């Protein structure tokens, strides 16, 4: 027995109950940010898949895929400052062998709600009409928007990098 008439066993039970209650109250404060971080990581992974799907569709000249993965309001900026809307962007690649290769590196993706910013270095070998090739070494910024559960490209801007 303790001084206040509570048995040692009862005291230990109350202490365990209070400790358990404290953990139960604190757990949501720890788990909620962790859950949000994991959800953000899942969305960043989904954006990375969309970036890769866009690269593959550009390489393949797959106009249907390019239409499906871009917003109607698309603004597509090239490294020479030329701008295209969705129709011009899709038409420039649809059923064309515009690229021999496209490699993306130095990926960085940030998701903010239903918008994502993706940055990467874009290295490509371009097929020219005369049968020759040229290369592109550019930095790219893409803005993706979640639309109907899918990430779609809203904006893209490129800037040249030294060779």
C-alpha atoms as a PDB file:
ATOM      1  CA  UNK A   1       0.000   0.000   0.000  1.00  0.00           C
ATOM      2  CA  UNK A   2       1.058   3.520  -0.794  1.00  0.00           C
ATOM      3  CA  UNK A   3       0.465   6.441   1.580  1.00  0.00           C
ATOM      4  CA  UNK A   4      -2.830   7.514  -0.015  1.00  0.00           C
ATOM      5  CA  UNK A   5      -4.434   4.087   0.333  1.00  0.00           C
ATOM      6  CA  UNK A   6      -3.886   2.949  -3.250  1.00  0.00           C
ATOM      7  CA  UNK A   7      -2.293  -0.438  -3.694  1.00  0.00           C
ATOM      8  CA  UNK A   8       0.978  -0.674  -5.592  1.00  0.00           C
ATOM      9  CA  UNK A   9      -0.761  -2.849  -8.185  1.00  0.00           C
ATOM     10  CA  UNK A  10      -3.526  -0.263  -8.718  1.00  0.00           C
ATOM     11  CA  UNK A  11      -0.932   2.521  -8.895  1.00  0.00           C
ATOM     12  CA  UNK A  12       1.000   0.678 -11.595  1.00  0.00           C
ATOM     13  CA  UNK A  13      -2.210   0.006 -13.539  1.00  0.00           C
ATOM     14  CA  UNK A  14      -3.169   3.698 -13.433  1.00  0.00           C
ATOM     15  CA  UNK A  15       0.349   4.720 -14.486  1.00  0.00           C
ATOM     16  CA  UNK A  16       0.245   2.291 -17.421  1.00  0.00           C
ATOM     17  CA  UNK A  17      -3.209   3.584 -18.403  1.00  0.00           C
ATOM     18  CA  UNK A  18      -2.027   7.202 -18.291  1.00  0.00           C
ATOM     19  CA  UNK A  19       1.092   6.363 -20.312  1.00  0.00           C
ATOM     20  CA  UNK A  20      -1.018   4.513 -22.876  1.00  0.00           C
ATOM     21  CA  UNK A  21      -3.414   7.439 -23.084  1.00  0.00           C
ATOM     22  CA  UNK A  22      -0.536   9.853 -23.636  1.00  0.00           C
ATOM     23  CA  UNK A  23       0.786   7.687 -26.481  1.00  0.00           C
ATOM     24  CA  UNK A  24      -2.685   7.402 -27.996  1.00  0.00           C
ATOM     25  CA  UNK A  25      -3.102  11.182 -27.886  1.00  0.00           C
ATOM     26  CA  UNK A  26       0.348  11.850 -29.342  1.00  0.00           C
ATOM     27  CA  UNK A  27       0.189   9.187 -32.058  1.00  0.00           C
ATOM     28  CA  UNK A  28      -1.979  11.158 -34.528  1.00  0.00           C
ATOM     29  CA  UNK A  29       0.431  14.087 -34.296  1.00  0.00           C
ATOM     30  CA  UNK A  30       3.236  11.766 -35.368  1.00  0.00           C
ATOM     31  CA  UNK A  31       1.353   9.567 -37.836  1.00  0.00           C
ATOM     32  CA  UNK A  32      -0.537  12.327 -39.708  1.00  0.00           C
ATOM     33  CA  UNK A  33       2.607  14.097 -40.988  1.00  0.00           C
ATOM     34  CA  UNK A  34       4.137  10.732 -41.827  1.00  0.00           C
ATOM     35  CA  UNK A  35       1.026   9.759 -43.781  1.00  0.00           C
ATOM     36  CA  UNK A  36       1.056  13.085 -45.620  1.00  0.00           C
ATOM     37  CA  UNK A  37       4.731  12.643 -46.448  1.00  0.00           C
ATOM     38  CA  UNK A  38       4.091   9.143 -47.783  1.00  0.00           C
ATOM     39  CA  UNK A  39       1.154  10.377 -49.867  1.00  0.00           C
ATOM     40  CA  UNK A  40       3.332  13.189 -51.240  1.00  0.00           C
ATOM     41  CA  UNK A  41       6.021  10.625 -52.083  1.00  0.00           C
ATOM     42  CA  UNK A  42       3.418   8.465 -53.881  1.00  0.00           C
ATOM     43  CA  UNK A  43       2.267  11.485 -55.907  1.00  0.00           C
ATOM     44  CA  UNK A  44       5.867  12.387 -56.795  1.00  0.00           C
ATOM     45  CA  UNK A  45       6.295   8.819 -58.042  1.00  0.00           C
ATOM     46  CA  UNK A  46       3.137   9.155 -60.144  1.00  0.00           C
ATOM     47  CA  UNK A  47       4.464  12.405 -61.635  1.00  0.00           C
ATOM     48  CA  UNK A  48       7.791  10.700 -62.404  1.00  0.00           C
ATOM     49  CA  UNK A  49       5.852   8.004 -64.282  1.00  0.00           C
ATOM     50  CA  UNK A  50       3.980  10.706 -66.219  1.00  0.00           C
ATOM     51  CA  UNK A  51       7.271  12.416 -67.134  1.00  0.00           C
ATOM     52  CA  UNK A  52       8.606   9.084 -68.397  1.00  0.00           C
ATOM     53  CA  UNK A  53       5.389   8.364 -70.324  1.00  0.00           C
ATOM     54  CA  UNK A  54       5.680  11.770 -72.012  1.00  0.00           C
ATOM     55  CA  UNK A  55       9.307  11.044 -72.962  1.00  0.00           C
ATOM     56  CA  UNK A  56       8.316   7.678 -74.427  1.00  0.00           C
ATOM     57  CA  UNK A  57       5.366   9.167 -76.371  1.00  0.00           C
ATOM     58  CA  UNK A  58       7.581  11.935 -77.794  1.00  0.00           C
ATOM     59  CA  UNK A  59      10.189   9.383 -78.856  1.00  0.00           C
ATOM     60  CA  UNK A  60       7.529   7.135 -80.440  1.00  0.00           C
ATOM     61  CA  UNK A  61       5.653  10.002 -82.113  1.00  0.00           C
ATOM     62  CA  UNK A  62       2.485   8.766 -80.412  1.00  0.00           C
ATOM     63  CA  UNK A  63       0.015  11.606 -80.997  1.00  0.00           C
ATOM     64  CA  UNK A  64      -2.881   9.889 -79.223  1.00  0.00           C
ATOM     65  CA  UNK A  65      -0.811   9.454 -76.058  1.00  0.00           C
ATOM     66  CA  UNK A  66       0.490  13.033 -76.274  1.00  0.00           C
ATOM     67  CA  UNK A  67      -3.097  14.343 -76.554  1.00  0.00           C
ATOM     68  CA  UNK A  68      -4.210  12.238 -73.589  1.00  0.00           C
ATOM     69  CA  UNK A  69      -1.407  13.338 -71.275  1.00  0.00           C
ATOM     70  CA  UNK A  70      -1.550  17.082 -71.939  1.00  0.00           C
ATOM     71  CA  UNK A  71      -4.039  19.701 -70.797  1.00  0.00           C
ATOM     72  CA  UNK A  72      -6.033  21.605 -73.437  1.00  0.00           C
ATOM     73  CA  UNK A  73      -4.415  24.803 -72.097  1.00  0.00           C
ATOM     74  CA  UNK A  74      -0.866  23.471 -72.695  1.00  0.00           C
ATOM     75  CA  UNK A  75       1.864  26.012 -73.299  1.00  0.00           C
ATOM     76  CA  UNK A  76       5.024  24.299 -74.545  1.00  0.00           C
ATOM     77  CA  UNK A  77       8.155  26.466 -74.569  1.00  0.00           C
ATOM     78  CA  UNK A  78      11.266  25.443 -76.482  1.00  0.00           C
ATOM     79  CA  UNK A  79      14.816  26.430 -75.547  1.00  0.00           C
ATOM     80  CA  UNK A  80      14.886  28.889 -78.481  1.00  0.00           C
ATOM     81  CA  UNK A  81      11.838  30.713 -76.981  1.00  0.00           C
ATOM     82  CA  UNK A  82       9.385  29.292 -79.540  1.00  0.00           C
ATOM     83  CA  UNK A  83       5.993  28.562 -77.967  1.00  0.00           C
ATOM     84  CA  UNK A  84       3.462  25.947 -79.015  1.00  0.00           C
ATOM     85  CA  UNK A  85      -0.073  25.257 -77.881  1.00  0.00           C
ATOM     86  CA  UNK A  86      -1.376  21.705 -77.487  1.00  0.00           C
ATOM     87  CA  UNK A  87      -2.398  21.317 -81.122  1.00  0.00           C
ATOM     88  CA  UNK A  88       0.972  22.510 -82.463  1.00  0.00           C
ATOM     89  CA  UNK A  89       2.928  20.404 -79.955  1.00  0.00           C
ATOM     90  CA  UNK A  90       1.039  17.211 -80.816  1.00  0.00           C
ATOM     91  CA  UNK A  91       1.145  17.919 -84.565  1.00  0.00           C
ATOM     92  CA  UNK A  92       4.916  18.456 -84.446  1.00  0.00           C
ATOM     93  CA  UNK A  93       5.457  14.903 -83.154  1.00  0.00           C
ATOM     94  CA  UNK A  94       2.396  12.871 -84.245  1.00  0.00           C
ATOM     95  CA  UNK A  95       3.464   9.955 -86.461  1.00  0.00           C
ATOM     96  CA  UNK A  96       6.910  11.505 -86.863  1.00  0.00           C
ATOM     97  CA  UNK A  97      10.335  10.113 -86.110  1.00  0.00           C
ATOM     98  CA  UNK A  98      11.549  13.390 -84.598  1.00  0.00           C
ATOM     99  CA  UNK A  99      13.976  11.845 -82.118  1.00  0.00           C
ATOM    100  CA  UNK A 100      16.608   9.152 -82.346  1.00  0.00           C
ATOM    101  CA  UNK A 101      16.903   9.209 -78.552  1.00  0.00           C
ATOM    102  CA  UNK A 102      15.768  11.185 -75.515  1.00  0.00           C
ATOM    103  CA  UNK A 103      17.498  10.814 -72.163  1.00  0.00           C
ATOM    104  CA  UNK A 104      16.361  12.570 -68.990  1.00  0.00           C
ATOM    105  CA  UNK A 105      18.582  13.057 -65.933  1.00  0.00           C
ATOM    106  CA  UNK A 106      18.927  15.225 -62.814  1.00  0.00           C
ATOM    107  CA  UNK A 107      15.264  14.738 -61.914  1.00  0.00           C
ATOM    108  CA  UNK A 108      13.609  16.877 -59.238  1.00  0.00           C
ATOM    109  CA  UNK A 109       9.877  16.748 -58.541  1.00  0.00           C
ATOM    110  CA  UNK A 110       7.862  18.831 -56.099  1.00  0.00           C
ATOM    111  CA  UNK A 111       4.154  18.196 -55.548  1.00  0.00           C
ATOM    112  CA  UNK A 112       1.912  20.910 -54.113  1.00  0.00           C
ATOM    113  CA  UNK A 113      -1.680  19.729 -53.892  1.00  0.00           C
ATOM    114  CA  UNK A 114      -2.913  18.934 -57.395  1.00  0.00           C
ATOM    115  CA  UNK A 115       0.028  20.669 -59.089  1.00  0.00           C
ATOM    116  CA  UNK A 116       3.560  19.394 -59.574  1.00  0.00           C
ATOM    117  CA  UNK A 117       6.788  20.919 -60.802  1.00  0.00           C
ATOM    118  CA  UNK A 118       9.224  18.564 -62.524  1.00  0.00           C
ATOM    119  CA  UNK A 119      12.729  19.597 -63.537  1.00  0.00           C
ATOM    120  CA  UNK A 120      15.287  17.604 -65.475  1.00  0.00           C
ATOM    121  CA  UNK A 121      18.098  17.752 -67.987  1.00  0.00           C
ATOM    122  CA  UNK A 122      16.934  16.716 -71.461  1.00  0.00           C
ATOM    123  CA  UNK A 123      19.523  15.230 -73.816  1.00  0.00           C
ATOM    124  CA  UNK A 124      18.266  14.234 -77.234  1.00  0.00           C
ATOM    125  CA  UNK A 125      19.458  13.235 -80.656  1.00  0.00           C
ATOM    126  CA  UNK A 126      17.054  14.840 -83.121  1.00  0.00           C
ATOM    127  CA  UNK A 127      16.335  13.392 -86.558  1.00  0.00           C
ATOM    128  CA  UNK A 128      16.532  16.131 -89.200  1.00  0.00           C
ATOM    129  CA  UNK A 129      14.559  16.117 -92.480  1.00  0.00           C
ATOM    130  CA  UNK A 130      17.751  15.713 -94.554  1.00  0.00           C
ATOM    131  CA  UNK A 131      18.615  12.447 -92.774  1.00  0.00           C
ATOM    132  CA  UNK A 132      21.225  14.030 -90.520  1.00  0.00           C
ATOM    133  CA  UNK A 133      20.951  14.470 -86.770  1.00  0.00           C
ATOM    134  CA  UNK A 134      21.448  17.257 -84.262  1.00  0.00           C
ATOM    135  CA  UNK A 135      21.656  17.189 -80.494  1.00  0.00           C
ATOM    136  CA  UNK A 136      19.873  19.033 -77.720  1.00  0.00           C
ATOM    137  CA  UNK A 137      21.275  19.545 -74.234  1.00  0.00           C
ATOM    138  CA  UNK A 138      18.704  21.594 -72.318  1.00  0.00           C
ATOM    139  CA  UNK A 139      17.249  22.129 -68.880  1.00  0.00           C
ATOM    140  CA  UNK A 140      13.481  21.622 -68.675  1.00  0.00           C
ATOM    141  CA  UNK A 141      10.803  22.785 -66.263  1.00  0.00           C
ATOM    142  CA  UNK A 142       7.405  21.073 -66.515  1.00  0.00           C
ATOM    143  CA  UNK A 143       4.214  21.949 -64.668  1.00  0.00           C
ATOM    144  CA  UNK A 144       1.806  19.037 -64.208  1.00  0.00           C
ATOM    145  CA  UNK A 145      -1.803  19.265 -63.036  1.00  0.00           C
ATOM    146  CA  UNK A 146      -3.875  16.415 -61.645  1.00  0.00           C
ATOM    147  CA  UNK A 147      -6.985  16.112 -63.790  1.00  0.00           C
ATOM    148  CA  UNK A 148      -9.535  13.345 -63.367  1.00  0.00           C
ATOM    149  CA  UNK A 149      -7.072  11.316 -61.298  1.00  0.00           C
ATOM    150  CA  UNK A 150      -4.271  11.543 -63.903  1.00  0.00           C
ATOM    151  CA  UNK A 151      -1.275  13.859 -64.053  1.00  0.00           C
ATOM    152  CA  UNK A 152      -1.347  15.952 -67.241  1.00  0.00           C
ATOM    153  CA  UNK A 153       1.205  18.388 -68.613  1.00  0.00           C
ATOM    154  CA  UNK A 154       0.053  22.007 -68.343  1.00  0.00           C
ATOM    155  CA  UNK A 155       3.265  23.875 -69.126  1.00  0.00           C
ATOM    156  CA  UNK A 156       6.819  23.234 -70.210  1.00  0.00           C
ATOM    157  CA  UNK A 157       9.747  25.601 -70.619  1.00  0.00           C
ATOM    158  CA  UNK A 158      13.274  24.771 -71.706  1.00  0.00           C
ATOM    159  CA  UNK A 159      16.524  26.666 -71.485  1.00  0.00           C
ATOM    160  CA  UNK A 160      19.801  25.881 -73.261  1.00  0.00           C
ATOM    161  CA  UNK A 161      22.776  24.484 -71.376  1.00  0.00           C
ATOM    162  CA  UNK A 162      26.410  24.735 -72.436  1.00  0.00           C
ATOM    163  CA  UNK A 163      27.455  21.812 -74.636  1.00  0.00           C
END
